[in-house]
Amino acid sequence: MNPGLKKAEEESSMLWKVLRKILGRNAGKYYFYVMKHPYNRLQVLTLTIIPIVYVPLLMNVEFELARTILIPTILAGIPVALLAMGMANMYGYENREFLLHLQFPINLEKQLKERFLGVILLPLLVFYLITVFELLVIPEIGSPLQIFIANTFFFLMFMLLFVWSSYFQYQKATYSSFSYKHPIIPQKVTFAISFLIFSMGYLVFVPLNGLEWYRLTIMSTVIVIMAIYLWQHMDVLVNLFKNRVLMRLWNEL
């Protein structure tokens, strides 16, 4: 296989060089296509407007429980949406270039691990910036430990959903200005995100008073176990890629 001339010209851009240097060759090339996709630019604009409009309104609501649950849920949903853009269809963007990468004398597990870690880097940075913003501007929504653990658990659960989507709900990235269906994230996953963000926000952020310690312990335990498991079992993702995705990439050429 040989790369197309147009793609080779795009990869000489400054954006590609910066992403390659920061995220590495495998994650950098993938993120390059994610960031250039027209629909994703519209999504980022939407994610910027929603908290600017709704968070100030909710801060003036007299019902304190609504502020305690809805504000952290909306703010935690921003990095989740960014994560969905990067992870819910990890092989549907530069599928031709990824097949070229598989011809390199580089271990497939190393390539997938670099892509996996690179994709969560930006949403994770946004996640921590938003968490610090919450604690500085709205300290009454909870203690620092509670907010950090709850947001991390929130982030991790959706990351697992998007890992599943990458392998079992794969679709080639397309774009249409008049389509109400998300061109990148499959319809099943779009519905799941909308439903789970608010239902999980209620479970994670609703005040429990004296029982809060138990919930924090459970969430912390799940975070540690899942982080260790994912790091030590990347071969699971390699096998899933070979069995669920690889043939579809070849068939689309």
C-alpha atoms as a PDB file:
ATOM      1  CA  MET A   1       0.000   0.000   0.000  1.00  0.00           C
ATOM      2  CA  ASN A   2       1.109   3.545  -0.740  1.00  0.00           C
ATOM      3  CA  PRO A   3      -0.224   6.700   0.968  1.00  0.00           C
ATOM      4  CA  GLY A   4      -2.232   9.090  -1.204  1.00  0.00           C
ATOM      5  CA  LEU A   5      -0.572  12.334  -2.286  1.00  0.00           C
ATOM      6  CA  LYS A   6      -3.253  14.470  -0.625  1.00  0.00           C
ATOM      7  CA  LYS A   7      -2.725  12.753   2.724  1.00  0.00           C
ATOM      8  CA  ALA A   8       1.039  13.156   2.453  1.00  0.00           C
ATOM      9  CA  GLU A   9       0.564  16.894   1.843  1.00  0.00           C
ATOM     10  CA  GLU A  10      -1.760  17.214   4.859  1.00  0.00           C
ATOM     11  CA  GLU A  11       0.720  15.461   7.100  1.00  0.00           C
ATOM     12  CA  SER A  12       3.335  18.109   6.308  1.00  0.00           C
ATOM     13  CA  SER A  13       1.167  20.744   8.076  1.00  0.00           C
ATOM     14  CA  MET A  14       2.232  22.391  11.333  1.00  0.00           C
ATOM     15  CA  LEU A  15      -0.675  20.787  13.220  1.00  0.00           C
ATOM     16  CA  TRP A  16       0.540  17.315  12.271  1.00  0.00           C
ATOM     17  CA  LYS A  17       4.108  18.136  13.351  1.00  0.00           C
ATOM     18  CA  VAL A  18       2.957  19.456  16.738  1.00  0.00           C
ATOM     19  CA  LEU A  19       0.661  16.508  17.418  1.00  0.00           C
ATOM     20  CA  ARG A  20       3.334  14.019  16.360  1.00  0.00           C
ATOM     21  CA  LYS A  21       5.812  15.603  18.758  1.00  0.00           C
ATOM     22  CA  ILE A  22       3.405  15.753  21.718  1.00  0.00           C
ATOM     23  CA  LEU A  23       1.389  12.543  21.279  1.00  0.00           C
ATOM     24  CA  GLY A  24       3.720  10.360  19.221  1.00  0.00           C
ATOM     25  CA  ARG A  25       3.403   9.146  15.641  1.00  0.00           C
ATOM     26  CA  ASN A  26       0.488   6.739  16.147  1.00  0.00           C
ATOM     27  CA  ALA A  27      -1.747   8.879  18.362  1.00  0.00           C
ATOM     28  CA  GLY A  28      -0.623  12.098  16.655  1.00  0.00           C
ATOM     29  CA  LYS A  29      -1.717  11.022  13.180  1.00  0.00           C
ATOM     30  CA  TYR A  30      -5.074   9.791  14.482  1.00  0.00           C
ATOM     31  CA  TYR A  31      -5.768  12.993  16.434  1.00  0.00           C
ATOM     32  CA  PHE A  32      -4.802  15.002  13.365  1.00  0.00           C
ATOM     33  CA  TYR A  33      -7.802  13.585  11.488  1.00  0.00           C
ATOM     34  CA  VAL A  34     -10.093  13.909  14.517  1.00  0.00           C
ATOM     35  CA  MET A  35      -9.285  17.621  14.950  1.00  0.00           C
ATOM     36  CA  LYS A  36      -9.689  18.368  11.226  1.00  0.00           C
ATOM     37  CA  HIS A  37     -13.112  16.753  10.976  1.00  0.00           C
ATOM     38  CA  PRO A  38     -15.779  19.489  10.349  1.00  0.00           C
ATOM     39  CA  TYR A  39     -18.382  17.892  12.637  1.00  0.00           C
ATOM     40  CA  ASN A  40     -15.953  17.787  15.556  1.00  0.00           C
ATOM     41  CA  ARG A  41     -15.277  21.510  15.248  1.00  0.00           C
ATOM     42  CA  LEU A  42     -19.012  22.122  15.563  1.00  0.00           C
ATOM     43  CA  GLN A  43     -19.149  19.785  18.563  1.00  0.00           C
ATOM     44  CA  VAL A  44     -16.376  21.691  20.355  1.00  0.00           C
ATOM     45  CA  LEU A  45     -18.248  24.974  19.822  1.00  0.00           C
ATOM     46  CA  THR A  46     -21.399  23.406  21.288  1.00  0.00           C
ATOM     47  CA  LEU A  47     -19.478  22.065  24.306  1.00  0.00           C
ATOM     48  CA  THR A  48     -18.149  25.561  24.951  1.00  0.00           C
ATOM     49  CA  ILE A  49     -21.540  27.272  24.784  1.00  0.00           C
ATOM     50  CA  ILE A  50     -23.554  24.843  26.957  1.00  0.00           C
ATOM     51  CA  PRO A  51     -21.703  25.362  30.283  1.00  0.00           C
ATOM     52  CA  ILE A  52     -21.401  29.124  29.678  1.00  0.00           C
ATOM     53  CA  VAL A  53     -25.205  29.356  29.347  1.00  0.00           C
ATOM     54  CA  TYR A  54     -26.507  26.760  31.805  1.00  0.00           C
ATOM     55  CA  VAL A  55     -24.065  26.774  34.730  1.00  0.00           C
ATOM     56  CA  PRO A  56     -24.733  30.447  35.690  1.00  0.00           C
ATOM     57  CA  LEU A  57     -28.492  29.762  35.457  1.00  0.00           C
ATOM     58  CA  LEU A  58     -28.246  26.720  37.724  1.00  0.00           C
ATOM     59  CA  MET A  59     -26.141  28.625  40.265  1.00  0.00           C
ATOM     60  CA  ASN A  60     -29.107  30.970  40.753  1.00  0.00           C
ATOM     61  CA  VAL A  61     -31.623  28.170  41.256  1.00  0.00           C
ATOM     62  CA  GLU A  62     -32.991  28.087  44.810  1.00  0.00           C
ATOM     63  CA  PHE A  63     -33.261  24.300  44.899  1.00  0.00           C
ATOM     64  CA  GLU A  64     -29.819  23.425  46.279  1.00  0.00           C
ATOM     65  CA  LEU A  65     -30.008  19.732  45.361  1.00  0.00           C
ATOM     66  CA  ALA A  66     -30.386  20.675  41.677  1.00  0.00           C
ATOM     67  CA  ARG A  67     -27.181  22.732  41.828  1.00  0.00           C
ATOM     68  CA  THR A  68     -25.331  19.985  43.678  1.00  0.00           C
ATOM     69  CA  ILE A  69     -26.179  17.342  41.057  1.00  0.00           C
ATOM     70  CA  LEU A  70     -26.712  19.153  37.741  1.00  0.00           C
ATOM     71  CA  ILE A  71     -23.709  21.518  37.752  1.00  0.00           C
ATOM     72  CA  PRO A  72     -21.092  18.781  38.395  1.00  0.00           C
ATOM     73  CA  THR A  73     -22.865  16.526  35.864  1.00  0.00           C
ATOM     74  CA  ILE A  74     -22.790  19.158  33.097  1.00  0.00           C
ATOM     75  CA  LEU A  75     -19.144  20.013  33.787  1.00  0.00           C
ATOM     76  CA  ALA A  76     -18.136  16.334  33.943  1.00  0.00           C
ATOM     77  CA  GLY A  77     -19.974  15.746  30.660  1.00  0.00           C
ATOM     78  CA  ILE A  78     -17.653  18.081  28.719  1.00  0.00           C
ATOM     79  CA  PRO A  79     -14.513  15.867  28.864  1.00  0.00           C
ATOM     80  CA  VAL A  80     -16.778  12.836  28.338  1.00  0.00           C
ATOM     81  CA  ALA A  81     -18.021  14.352  25.056  1.00  0.00           C
ATOM     82  CA  LEU A  82     -14.430  15.100  23.993  1.00  0.00           C
ATOM     83  CA  LEU A  83     -13.495  11.547  24.878  1.00  0.00           C
ATOM     84  CA  ALA A  84     -16.365  10.260  22.741  1.00  0.00           C
ATOM     85  CA  MET A  85     -15.065  12.186  19.727  1.00  0.00           C
ATOM     86  CA  GLY A  86     -11.690  10.500  20.082  1.00  0.00           C
ATOM     87  CA  MET A  87     -12.524   7.039  21.372  1.00  0.00           C
ATOM     88  CA  ALA A  88     -15.984   5.948  20.229  1.00  0.00           C
ATOM     89  CA  ASN A  89     -14.710   5.270  16.707  1.00  0.00           C
ATOM     90  CA  MET A  90     -10.928   4.990  17.020  1.00  0.00           C
ATOM     91  CA  TYR A  91     -10.398   3.207  13.681  1.00  0.00           C
ATOM     92  CA  GLY A  92     -12.945   4.956  11.480  1.00  0.00           C
ATOM     93  CA  TYR A  93     -10.894   8.032  10.580  1.00  0.00           C
ATOM     94  CA  GLU A  94      -7.502   7.292   9.033  1.00  0.00           C
ATOM     95  CA  ASN A  95      -8.173   3.624   8.362  1.00  0.00           C
ATOM     96  CA  ARG A  96      -5.986   3.552   5.217  1.00  0.00           C
ATOM     97  CA  GLU A  97      -3.039   5.098   7.065  1.00  0.00           C
ATOM     98  CA  PHE A  98      -3.514   2.738   9.990  1.00  0.00           C
ATOM     99  CA  LEU A  99      -3.175  -0.246   7.656  1.00  0.00           C
ATOM    100  CA  LEU A 100       0.065   1.305   6.430  1.00  0.00           C
ATOM    101  CA  HIS A 101       1.243   1.504  10.043  1.00  0.00           C
ATOM    102  CA  LEU A 102       0.634  -2.209  10.481  1.00  0.00           C
ATOM    103  CA  GLN A 103       3.303  -2.851   7.848  1.00  0.00           C
ATOM    104  CA  PHE A 104       5.947  -1.123   9.964  1.00  0.00           C
ATOM    105  CA  PRO A 105       8.290  -3.258  12.110  1.00  0.00           C
ATOM    106  CA  ILE A 106       6.542  -1.944  15.227  1.00  0.00           C
ATOM    107  CA  ASN A 107       4.654  -4.157  17.659  1.00  0.00           C
ATOM    108  CA  LEU A 108       0.856  -3.810  17.240  1.00  0.00           C
ATOM    109  CA  GLU A 109       0.360  -3.669  21.006  1.00  0.00           C
ATOM    110  CA  LYS A 110       2.752  -0.689  21.198  1.00  0.00           C
ATOM    111  CA  GLN A 111       0.848   1.100  18.424  1.00  0.00           C
ATOM    112  CA  LEU A 112      -2.543   0.521  20.070  1.00  0.00           C
ATOM    113  CA  LYS A 113      -1.254   1.498  23.515  1.00  0.00           C
ATOM    114  CA  GLU A 114       0.202   4.745  22.164  1.00  0.00           C
ATOM    115  CA  ARG A 115      -3.052   5.548  20.367  1.00  0.00           C
ATOM    116  CA  PHE A 116      -5.134   4.638  23.411  1.00  0.00           C
ATOM    117  CA  LEU A 117      -3.098   6.809  25.809  1.00  0.00           C
ATOM    118  CA  GLY A 118      -2.826   9.657  23.304  1.00  0.00           C
ATOM    119  CA  VAL A 119      -6.580   9.782  22.742  1.00  0.00           C
ATOM    120  CA  ILE A 120      -7.403  10.167  26.454  1.00  0.00           C
ATOM    121  CA  LEU A 121      -4.648  12.761  27.073  1.00  0.00           C
ATOM    122  CA  LEU A 122      -6.559  15.872  25.916  1.00  0.00           C
ATOM    123  CA  PRO A 123      -9.921  14.974  27.544  1.00  0.00           C
ATOM    124  CA  LEU A 124      -8.047  14.070  30.734  1.00  0.00           C
ATOM    125  CA  LEU A 125      -6.328  17.483  30.750  1.00  0.00           C
ATOM    126  CA  VAL A 126      -9.702  19.197  30.212  1.00  0.00           C
ATOM    127  CA  PHE A 127     -11.176  17.017  32.953  1.00  0.00           C
ATOM    128  CA  TYR A 128      -8.617  18.149  35.541  1.00  0.00           C
ATOM    129  CA  LEU A 129      -8.876  21.815  34.508  1.00  0.00           C
ATOM    130  CA  ILE A 130     -12.663  21.688  34.928  1.00  0.00           C
ATOM    131  CA  THR A 131     -12.325  19.925  38.285  1.00  0.00           C
ATOM    132  CA  VAL A 132      -9.964  22.642  39.562  1.00  0.00           C
ATOM    133  CA  PHE A 133     -12.390  25.279  38.214  1.00  0.00           C
ATOM    134  CA  GLU A 134     -15.263  23.639  40.121  1.00  0.00           C
ATOM    135  CA  LEU A 135     -13.353  23.632  43.384  1.00  0.00           C
ATOM    136  CA  LEU A 136     -12.196  27.256  43.034  1.00  0.00           C
ATOM    137  CA  VAL A 137     -15.394  28.863  41.738  1.00  0.00           C
ATOM    138  CA  ILE A 138     -18.107  26.642  43.265  1.00  0.00           C
ATOM    139  CA  PRO A 139     -16.564  25.221  46.464  1.00  0.00           C
ATOM    140  CA  GLU A 140     -19.988  24.505  47.976  1.00  0.00           C
ATOM    141  CA  ILE A 141     -20.663  21.602  45.578  1.00  0.00           C
ATOM    142  CA  GLY A 142     -18.418  19.263  47.580  1.00  0.00           C
ATOM    143  CA  SER A 143     -15.021  18.520  49.093  1.00  0.00           C
ATOM    144  CA  PRO A 144     -11.924  18.349  46.817  1.00  0.00           C
ATOM    145  CA  LEU A 145     -11.461  14.600  47.457  1.00  0.00           C
ATOM    146  CA  GLN A 146     -15.111  13.868  46.705  1.00  0.00           C
ATOM    147  CA  ILE A 147     -15.128  15.845  43.434  1.00  0.00           C
ATOM    148  CA  PHE A 148     -11.832  14.378  42.158  1.00  0.00           C
ATOM    149  CA  ILE A 149     -12.830  10.775  42.894  1.00  0.00           C
ATOM    150  CA  ALA A 150     -16.375  11.212  41.530  1.00  0.00           C
ATOM    151  CA  ASN A 151     -15.154  12.892  38.320  1.00  0.00           C
ATOM    152  CA  THR A 152     -12.437  10.256  37.795  1.00  0.00           C
ATOM    153  CA  PHE A 153     -14.982   7.457  38.216  1.00  0.00           C
ATOM    154  CA  PHE A 154     -17.348   9.266  35.839  1.00  0.00           C
ATOM    155  CA  PHE A 155     -14.546   9.599  33.256  1.00  0.00           C
ATOM    156  CA  LEU A 156     -13.414   5.970  33.596  1.00  0.00           C
ATOM    157  CA  MET A 157     -16.895   4.471  33.169  1.00  0.00           C
ATOM    158  CA  PHE A 158     -17.456   6.354  29.918  1.00  0.00           C
ATOM    159  CA  MET A 159     -13.957   5.481  28.731  1.00  0.00           C
ATOM    160  CA  LEU A 160     -14.908   1.797  29.033  1.00  0.00           C
ATOM    161  CA  LEU A 161     -18.102   2.464  27.060  1.00  0.00           C
ATOM    162  CA  PHE A 162     -16.083   4.070  24.266  1.00  0.00           C
ATOM    163  CA  VAL A 163     -13.516   1.256  24.242  1.00  0.00           C
ATOM    164  CA  TRP A 164     -16.419  -1.129  23.687  1.00  0.00           C
ATOM    165  CA  SER A 165     -17.821   1.125  20.964  1.00  0.00           C
ATOM    166  CA  SER A 166     -14.481   1.254  19.121  1.00  0.00           C
ATOM    167  CA  TYR A 167     -14.510  -2.497  18.624  1.00  0.00           C
ATOM    168  CA  PHE A 168     -18.184  -3.474  18.514  1.00  0.00           C
ATOM    169  CA  GLN A 169     -19.858  -0.391  16.959  1.00  0.00           C
ATOM    170  CA  TYR A 170     -17.254   0.556  14.367  1.00  0.00           C
ATOM    171  CA  GLN A 171     -18.317   2.792  11.468  1.00  0.00           C
ATOM    172  CA  LYS A 172     -16.387   4.737   8.860  1.00  0.00           C
ATOM    173  CA  ALA A 173     -16.274   8.488   9.577  1.00  0.00           C
ATOM    174  CA  THR A 174     -18.472  10.546   7.243  1.00  0.00           C
ATOM    175  CA  TYR A 175     -19.846  14.078   7.222  1.00  0.00           C
ATOM    176  CA  SER A 176     -23.166  15.617   6.189  1.00  0.00           C
ATOM    177  CA  SER A 177     -24.303  19.134   7.109  1.00  0.00           C
ATOM    178  CA  PHE A 178     -27.971  18.125   7.122  1.00  0.00           C
ATOM    179  CA  SER A 179     -27.762  14.887   9.058  1.00  0.00           C
ATOM    180  CA  TYR A 180     -29.180  14.640  12.581  1.00  0.00           C
ATOM    181  CA  LYS A 181     -27.305  11.391  13.076  1.00  0.00           C
ATOM    182  CA  HIS A 182     -23.802  11.785  14.456  1.00  0.00           C
ATOM    183  CA  PRO A 183     -21.434  10.908  11.572  1.00  0.00           C
ATOM    184  CA  ILE A 184     -18.761   9.439  13.828  1.00  0.00           C
ATOM    185  CA  ILE A 185     -20.360   8.087  17.006  1.00  0.00           C
ATOM    186  CA  PRO A 186     -22.847   5.239  16.293  1.00  0.00           C
ATOM    187  CA  GLN A 187     -26.511   5.924  17.087  1.00  0.00           C
ATOM    188  CA  LYS A 188     -26.610   3.308  19.864  1.00  0.00           C
ATOM    189  CA  VAL A 189     -23.676   4.976  21.616  1.00  0.00           C
ATOM    190  CA  THR A 190     -25.147   8.474  21.152  1.00  0.00           C
ATOM    191  CA  PHE A 191     -28.310   7.380  22.968  1.00  0.00           C
ATOM    192  CA  ALA A 192     -26.313   5.633  25.689  1.00  0.00           C
ATOM    193  CA  ILE A 193     -24.216   8.771  26.315  1.00  0.00           C
ATOM    194  CA  SER A 194     -27.274  11.027  26.622  1.00  0.00           C
ATOM    195  CA  PHE A 195     -29.009   8.657  29.017  1.00  0.00           C
ATOM    196  CA  LEU A 196     -26.008   7.661  31.119  1.00  0.00           C
ATOM    197  CA  ILE A 197     -24.516  11.134  31.666  1.00  0.00           C
ATOM    198  CA  PHE A 198     -27.489  12.280  33.753  1.00  0.00           C
ATOM    199  CA  SER A 199     -28.333   8.943  35.375  1.00  0.00           C
ATOM    200  CA  MET A 200     -24.705   8.401  36.422  1.00  0.00           C
ATOM    201  CA  GLY A 201     -24.466  12.046  37.493  1.00  0.00           C
ATOM    202  CA  TYR A 202     -27.319  11.397  39.924  1.00  0.00           C
ATOM    203  CA  LEU A 203     -25.690   8.244  41.315  1.00  0.00           C
ATOM    204  CA  VAL A 204     -22.248   9.856  41.667  1.00  0.00           C
ATOM    205  CA  PHE A 205     -23.070  13.375  42.850  1.00  0.00           C
ATOM    206  CA  VAL A 206     -26.263  13.063  44.917  1.00  0.00           C
ATOM    207  CA  PRO A 207     -25.410  13.889  48.595  1.00  0.00           C
ATOM    208  CA  LEU A 208     -25.311  10.850  50.892  1.00  0.00           C
ATOM    209  CA  ASN A 209     -24.244  12.631  54.087  1.00  0.00           C
ATOM    210  CA  GLY A 210     -22.927   9.955  56.465  1.00  0.00           C
ATOM    211  CA  LEU A 211     -22.778   7.277  53.766  1.00  0.00           C
ATOM    212  CA  GLU A 212     -20.496   9.294  51.466  1.00  0.00           C
ATOM    213  CA  TRP A 213     -17.413   7.446  52.728  1.00  0.00           C
ATOM    214  CA  TYR A 214     -18.763   4.107  51.411  1.00  0.00           C
ATOM    215  CA  ARG A 215     -19.425   5.484  47.946  1.00  0.00           C
ATOM    216  CA  LEU A 216     -15.956   7.075  47.744  1.00  0.00           C
ATOM    217  CA  THR A 217     -14.358   3.782  48.819  1.00  0.00           C
ATOM    218  CA  ILE A 218     -16.245   1.795  46.165  1.00  0.00           C
ATOM    219  CA  MET A 219     -15.424   4.293  43.401  1.00  0.00           C
ATOM    220  CA  SER A 220     -11.743   4.463  44.402  1.00  0.00           C
ATOM    221  CA  THR A 221     -11.460   0.662  44.398  1.00  0.00           C
ATOM    222  CA  VAL A 222     -13.042   0.398  40.935  1.00  0.00           C
ATOM    223  CA  ILE A 223     -10.728   3.128  39.570  1.00  0.00           C
ATOM    224  CA  VAL A 224      -7.559   1.369  40.801  1.00  0.00           C
ATOM    225  CA  ILE A 225      -8.644  -2.104  39.632  1.00  0.00           C
ATOM    226  CA  MET A 226      -9.689  -0.929  36.159  1.00  0.00           C
ATOM    227  CA  ALA A 227      -6.565   1.199  35.629  1.00  0.00           C
ATOM    228  CA  ILE A 228      -4.269  -1.712  36.522  1.00  0.00           C
ATOM    229  CA  TYR A 229      -6.268  -4.187  34.422  1.00  0.00           C
ATOM    230  CA  LEU A 230      -6.310  -1.996  31.305  1.00  0.00           C
ATOM    231  CA  TRP A 231      -2.586  -1.311  31.524  1.00  0.00           C
ATOM    232  CA  GLN A 232      -1.633  -4.958  31.987  1.00  0.00           C
ATOM    233  CA  HIS A 233      -4.055  -6.457  29.438  1.00  0.00           C
ATOM    234  CA  MET A 234      -3.562  -4.458  26.272  1.00  0.00           C
ATOM    235  CA  ASP A 235      -3.329  -7.795  24.467  1.00  0.00           C
ATOM    236  CA  VAL A 236      -7.122  -8.011  24.880  1.00  0.00           C
ATOM    237  CA  LEU A 237      -7.486  -4.887  22.724  1.00  0.00           C
ATOM    238  CA  VAL A 238      -4.976  -6.275  20.213  1.00  0.00           C
ATOM    239  CA  ASN A 239      -6.997  -9.482  19.804  1.00  0.00           C
ATOM    240  CA  LEU A 240     -10.248  -7.524  19.560  1.00  0.00           C
ATOM    241  CA  PHE A 241      -8.721  -5.341  16.859  1.00  0.00           C
ATOM    242  CA  LYS A 242      -7.623  -8.359  14.832  1.00  0.00           C
ATOM    243  CA  ASN A 243     -10.969 -10.146  15.215  1.00  0.00           C
ATOM    244  CA  ARG A 244     -13.453  -7.251  15.044  1.00  0.00           C
ATOM    245  CA  VAL A 245     -11.883  -4.372  13.088  1.00  0.00           C
ATOM    246  CA  LEU A 246      -8.983  -5.387  10.836  1.00  0.00           C
ATOM    247  CA  MET A 247     -11.006  -7.133   8.107  1.00  0.00           C
ATOM    248  CA  ARG A 248     -13.483  -4.247   7.963  1.00  0.00           C
ATOM    249  CA  LEU A 249     -10.643  -1.804   7.356  1.00  0.00           C
ATOM    250  CA  TRP A 250      -9.336  -3.905   4.463  1.00  0.00           C
ATOM    251  CA  ASN A 251     -12.826  -4.289   2.971  1.00  0.00           C
ATOM    252  CA  GLU A 252     -13.376  -0.519   2.922  1.00  0.00           C
ATOM    253  CA  LEU A 253     -10.363   0.148   0.682  1.00  0.00           C
END
